[in-house]
C-alpha atoms as a PDB file:
ATOM      1  CA  MET A   1     127.099 102.914 112.321  1.00  0.00           C
ATOM      2  CA  LYS A   2     123.295 102.907 112.474  1.00  0.00           C
ATOM      3  CA  VAL A   3     121.810 104.840 109.464  1.00  0.00           C
ATOM      4  CA  LEU A   4     118.124 105.761 109.543  1.00  0.00           C
ATOM      5  CA  GLY A   5     116.964 105.828 105.867  1.00  0.00           C
ATOM      6  CA  ILE A   6     113.790 107.784 105.103  1.00  0.00           C
ATOM      7  CA  ASP A   7     111.598 108.058 102.110  1.00  0.00           C
ATOM      8  CA  PRO A   8     109.433 111.047 102.913  1.00  0.00           C
ATOM      9  CA  GLY A   9     105.805 111.420 101.890  1.00  0.00           C
ATOM     10  CA  MET A  10     102.474 112.695 103.249  1.00  0.00           C
ATOM     11  CA  ALA A  11     100.498 109.366 102.904  1.00  0.00           C
ATOM     12  CA  ILE A  12     103.424 107.005 103.564  1.00  0.00           C
ATOM     13  CA  VAL A  13     106.849 107.606 105.124  1.00  0.00           C
ATOM     14  CA  GLY A  14     109.133 104.647 104.564  1.00  0.00           C
ATOM     15  CA  TYR A  15     111.838 104.236 107.103  1.00  0.00           C
ATOM     16  CA  SER A  16     114.638 101.615 107.917  1.00  0.00           C
ATOM     17  CA  LEU A  17     117.554 101.308 110.311  1.00  0.00           C
ATOM     18  CA  VAL A  18     120.513  99.684 108.568  1.00  0.00           C
ATOM     19  CA  ASP A  19     123.622  98.863 110.527  1.00  0.00           C
ATOM     20  CA  PHE A  20     126.996  99.065 108.750  1.00  0.00           C
ATOM     21  CA  ASP A  21     130.215  97.943 110.511  1.00  0.00           C
ATOM     22  CA  GLY A  22     132.517  98.942 107.559  1.00  0.00           C
ATOM     23  CA  LYS A  23     132.089  95.622 105.972  1.00  0.00           C
ATOM     24  CA  ASN A  24     128.659  93.883 106.676  1.00  0.00           C
ATOM     25  CA  TYR A  25     125.240  95.291 106.533  1.00  0.00           C
ATOM     26  CA  SER A  26     122.259  94.321 108.629  1.00  0.00           C
ATOM     27  CA  LEU A  27     118.662  95.583 108.601  1.00  0.00           C
ATOM     28  CA  LEU A  28     117.823  96.340 112.220  1.00  0.00           C
ATOM     29  CA  THR A  29     114.166  97.529 111.510  1.00  0.00           C
ATOM     30  CA  SER A  30     111.994  98.877 108.786  1.00  0.00           C
ATOM     31  CA  GLY A  31     108.492  99.960 108.305  1.00  0.00           C
ATOM     32  CA  SER A  32     106.227 102.836 107.437  1.00  0.00           C
ATOM     33  CA  ILE A  33     104.220 105.732 108.873  1.00  0.00           C
ATOM     34  CA  GLN A  34     100.885 105.831 107.208  1.00  0.00           C
ATOM     35  CA  THR A  35      98.508 108.625 107.520  1.00  0.00           C
ATOM     36  CA  LYS A  36      94.806 108.828 106.669  1.00  0.00           C
ATOM     37  CA  LYS A  37      94.093 110.556 103.389  1.00  0.00           C
ATOM     38  CA  GLY A  38      90.971 112.268 104.542  1.00  0.00           C
ATOM     39  CA  SER A  39      92.471 113.902 107.598  1.00  0.00           C
ATOM     40  CA  ARG A  40      93.545 117.401 107.760  1.00  0.00           C
ATOM     41  CA  GLU A  41      97.083 118.162 106.720  1.00  0.00           C
ATOM     42  CA  SER A  42      98.092 119.527 110.007  1.00  0.00           C
ATOM     43  CA  SER A  43      96.795 116.361 111.703  1.00  0.00           C
ATOM     44  CA  ARG A  44      98.773 114.047 109.389  1.00  0.00           C
ATOM     45  CA  LEU A  45     102.017 116.202 109.923  1.00  0.00           C
ATOM     46  CA  LEU A  46     101.525 115.972 113.600  1.00  0.00           C
ATOM     47  CA  GLU A  47     101.241 112.208 113.342  1.00  0.00           C
ATOM     48  CA  ILE A  48     104.489 112.043 111.255  1.00  0.00           C
ATOM     49  CA  PHE A  49     106.239 114.113 113.856  1.00  0.00           C
ATOM     50  CA  GLN A  50     105.088 111.961 116.773  1.00  0.00           C
ATOM     51  CA  ASP A  51     105.956 108.712 114.975  1.00  0.00           C
ATOM     52  CA  MET A  52     109.408 109.872 113.764  1.00  0.00           C
ATOM     53  CA  THR A  53     110.173 111.082 117.377  1.00  0.00           C
ATOM     54  CA  THR A  54     109.380 107.562 118.666  1.00  0.00           C
ATOM     55  CA  ILE A  55     111.521 105.998 116.042  1.00  0.00           C
ATOM     56  CA  VAL A  56     114.451 108.271 116.849  1.00  0.00           C
ATOM     57  CA  GLU A  57     114.126 107.872 120.625  1.00  0.00           C
ATOM     58  CA  THR A  58     113.688 103.948 120.215  1.00  0.00           C
ATOM     59  CA  TYR A  59     116.509 103.238 117.759  1.00  0.00           C
ATOM     60  CA  LYS A  60     118.942 106.100 118.412  1.00  0.00           C
ATOM     61  CA  PRO A  61     120.482 106.306 114.800  1.00  0.00           C
ATOM     62  CA  ASP A  62     124.043 107.823 114.390  1.00  0.00           C
ATOM     63  CA  VAL A  63     122.986 109.552 111.153  1.00  0.00           C
ATOM     64  CA  ALA A  64     119.947 109.954 108.958  1.00  0.00           C
ATOM     65  CA  ALA A  65     119.823 109.701 105.140  1.00  0.00           C
ATOM     66  CA  ILE A  66     116.735 111.260 103.569  1.00  0.00           C
ATOM     67  CA  GLU A  67     115.449 111.535  99.932  1.00  0.00           C
ATOM     68  CA  LYS A  68     115.896 114.971  98.490  1.00  0.00           C
ATOM     69  CA  LEU A  69     113.095 116.554  96.437  1.00  0.00           C
ATOM     70  CA  PHE A  70     114.674 117.646  93.290  1.00  0.00           C
ATOM     71  CA  PHE A  71     111.895 117.312  90.616  1.00  0.00           C
ATOM     72  CA  VAL A  72     108.330 116.187  90.955  1.00  0.00           C
ATOM     73  CA  HIS A  73     106.046 115.033  88.096  1.00  0.00           C
ATOM     74  CA  ASN A  74     102.930 115.420  90.221  1.00  0.00           C
ATOM     75  CA  GLN A  75     102.559 119.005  91.114  1.00  0.00           C
ATOM     76  CA  THR A  76      99.575 118.224  93.559  1.00  0.00           C
ATOM     77  CA  THR A  77     101.729 116.199  95.794  1.00  0.00           C
ATOM     78  CA  VAL A  78     104.919 118.353  95.786  1.00  0.00           C
ATOM     79  CA  MET A  79     103.768 120.659  98.712  1.00  0.00           C
ATOM     80  CA  PRO A  80     102.423 118.043 101.030  1.00  0.00           C
ATOM     81  CA  VAL A  81     105.631 115.893 100.564  1.00  0.00           C
ATOM     82  CA  ALA A  82     107.706 118.952 101.226  1.00  0.00           C
ATOM     83  CA  HIS A  83     105.778 119.690 104.310  1.00  0.00           C
ATOM     84  CA  ALA A  84     106.204 116.090 105.628  1.00  0.00           C
ATOM     85  CA  ARG A  85     109.928 116.309 104.742  1.00  0.00           C
ATOM     86  CA  GLY A  86     110.228 119.512 106.747  1.00  0.00           C
ATOM     87  CA  VAL A  87     108.637 117.837 109.813  1.00  0.00           C
ATOM     88  CA  ILE A  88     110.969 114.962 109.500  1.00  0.00           C
ATOM     89  CA  LEU A  89     114.059 117.179 109.264  1.00  0.00           C
ATOM     90  CA  THR A  90     112.720 119.066 112.326  1.00  0.00           C
ATOM     91  CA  VAL A  91     112.676 115.878 114.412  1.00  0.00           C
ATOM     92  CA  LEU A  92     116.111 114.820 113.202  1.00  0.00           C
ATOM     93  CA  GLU A  93     117.406 118.349 114.036  1.00  0.00           C
ATOM     94  CA  LYS A  94     115.692 118.250 117.407  1.00  0.00           C
ATOM     95  CA  PHE A  95     117.747 115.164 118.318  1.00  0.00           C
ATOM     96  CA  ASN A  96     121.011 116.405 116.813  1.00  0.00           C
ATOM     97  CA  ILE A  97     121.064 113.538 114.167  1.00  0.00           C
ATOM     98  CA  PRO A  98     123.390 114.460 111.284  1.00  0.00           C
ATOM     99  CA  ILE A  99     121.356 114.604 108.137  1.00  0.00           C
ATOM    100  CA  PHE A 100     122.475 113.635 104.612  1.00  0.00           C
ATOM    101  CA  GLU A 101     120.290 114.060 101.589  1.00  0.00           C
ATOM    102  CA  TYR A 102     120.221 112.246  98.320  1.00  0.00           C
ATOM    103  CA  THR A 103     118.180 112.439  95.213  1.00  0.00           C
ATOM    104  CA  PRO A 104     116.663 109.293  93.741  1.00  0.00           C
ATOM    105  CA  MET A 105     119.116 109.428  90.874  1.00  0.00           C
ATOM    106  CA  GLU A 106     122.045 109.566  93.267  1.00  0.00           C
ATOM    107  CA  VAL A 107     120.649 106.613  95.135  1.00  0.00           C
ATOM    108  CA  LYS A 108     120.291 104.518  92.020  1.00  0.00           C
ATOM    109  CA  LYS A 109     123.833 105.357  90.739  1.00  0.00           C
ATOM    110  CA  VAL A 110     125.408 104.455  94.092  1.00  0.00           C
ATOM    111  CA  LEU A 111     123.595 101.192  94.267  1.00  0.00           C
ATOM    112  CA  THR A 112     123.560 100.019  90.613  1.00  0.00           C
ATOM    113  CA  GLY A 113     126.017 102.174  88.972  1.00  0.00           C
ATOM    114  CA  TYR A 114     123.334 103.678  86.781  1.00  0.00           C
ATOM    115  CA  GLY A 115     121.398 106.671  87.710  1.00  0.00           C
ATOM    116  CA  ARG A 116     118.390 105.747  85.760  1.00  0.00           C
ATOM    117  CA  ALA A 117     118.022 102.198  87.018  1.00  0.00           C
ATOM    118  CA  ASP A 118     114.483 100.892  87.574  1.00  0.00           C
ATOM    119  CA  LYS A 119     112.937  99.778  90.846  1.00  0.00           C
ATOM    120  CA  LYS A 120     113.629  96.108  90.134  1.00  0.00           C
ATOM    121  CA  GLU A 121     117.380  96.768  89.662  1.00  0.00           C
ATOM    122  CA  VAL A 122     117.477  98.790  93.012  1.00  0.00           C
ATOM    123  CA  GLU A 123     115.528  96.084  94.833  1.00  0.00           C
ATOM    124  CA  GLN A 124     117.956  93.401  93.508  1.00  0.00           C
ATOM    125  CA  MET A 125     121.005  95.384  94.839  1.00  0.00           C
ATOM    126  CA  VAL A 126     119.236  95.868  98.258  1.00  0.00           C
ATOM    127  CA  LYS A 127     118.776  92.099  98.378  1.00  0.00           C
ATOM    128  CA  LEU A 128     122.468  91.411  97.417  1.00  0.00           C
ATOM    129  CA  THR A 129     123.790  93.975 100.059  1.00  0.00           C
ATOM    130  CA  LEU A 130     121.640  92.610 102.828  1.00  0.00           C
ATOM    131  CA  GLU A 131     122.151  89.037 101.703  1.00  0.00           C
ATOM    132  CA  THR A 132     118.516  88.248 101.747  1.00  0.00           C
ATOM    133  CA  ASP A 133     115.880  86.925  99.401  1.00  0.00           C
ATOM    134  CA  THR A 134     112.953  88.971 100.864  1.00  0.00           C
ATOM    135  CA  LEU A 135     112.108  92.545 101.221  1.00  0.00           C
ATOM    136  CA  PRO A 136     109.344  94.509 102.825  1.00  0.00           C
ATOM    137  CA  LYS A 137     106.253  94.735 100.663  1.00  0.00           C
ATOM    138  CA  LEU A 138     106.001  98.558 100.477  1.00  0.00           C
ATOM    139  CA  ASP A 139     108.154 100.332  97.822  1.00  0.00           C
ATOM    140  CA  ASP A 140     108.541 103.283 100.301  1.00  0.00           C
ATOM    141  CA  THR A 141     110.064 101.046 102.905  1.00  0.00           C
ATOM    142  CA  VAL A 142     112.558  99.418 100.388  1.00  0.00           C
ATOM    143  CA  ASP A 143     113.399 102.820  99.154  1.00  0.00           C
ATOM    144  CA  SER A 144     114.360 103.808 102.663  1.00  0.00           C
ATOM    145  CA  ILE A 145     116.671 100.866 102.847  1.00  0.00           C
ATOM    146  CA  ALA A 146     118.348 101.894  99.503  1.00  0.00           C
ATOM    147  CA  ILE A 147     118.787 105.490 100.816  1.00  0.00           C
ATOM    148  CA  ALA A 148     120.463 104.170 104.044  1.00  0.00           C
ATOM    149  CA  ILE A 149     122.737 101.847 102.032  1.00  0.00           C
ATOM    150  CA  CYS A 150     123.580 104.719  99.613  1.00  0.00           C
ATOM    151  CA  HIS A 151     124.782 106.837 102.519  1.00  0.00           C
ATOM    152  CA  SER A 152     126.880 104.117 104.031  1.00  0.00           C
ATOM    153  CA  ARG A 153     128.620 103.749 100.602  1.00  0.00           C
ATOM    154  CA  SER A 154     128.972 107.444 100.154  1.00  0.00           C
ATOM    155  CA  ILE A 155     131.057 108.160 103.365  1.00  0.00           C
END
């Protein structure tokens, strides 16, 4: 099963495609969609829409797992992130990709056994799961991998 993991954002959307055969995990691809801060929000949303469309058409995921907004500390970013998330959900729906949503706490609990684990603990579990010593540099991309692994362990 190919799981498209997505960490939504307006400035950076982390994505990854994790293949899980019921026993083994492999990272097929990962990366980020980065929009320009000074651009109009509508332009940035269109860029996310187009890039997500290309990702879905290219990699043909079986399912998608996306981070769910449940509480945001920074009120100035909540609406743009929600808008970006809406665009991503629209692309997934357009291609009939089943969508599963997980809060950051759920992802941490599934990966580490503790819902308040820190980033380093989550990264370590991602490395162990993928049997690798290296991960992408961007936290958003690593988070997308964690979200994909969370889904594969939740089914």
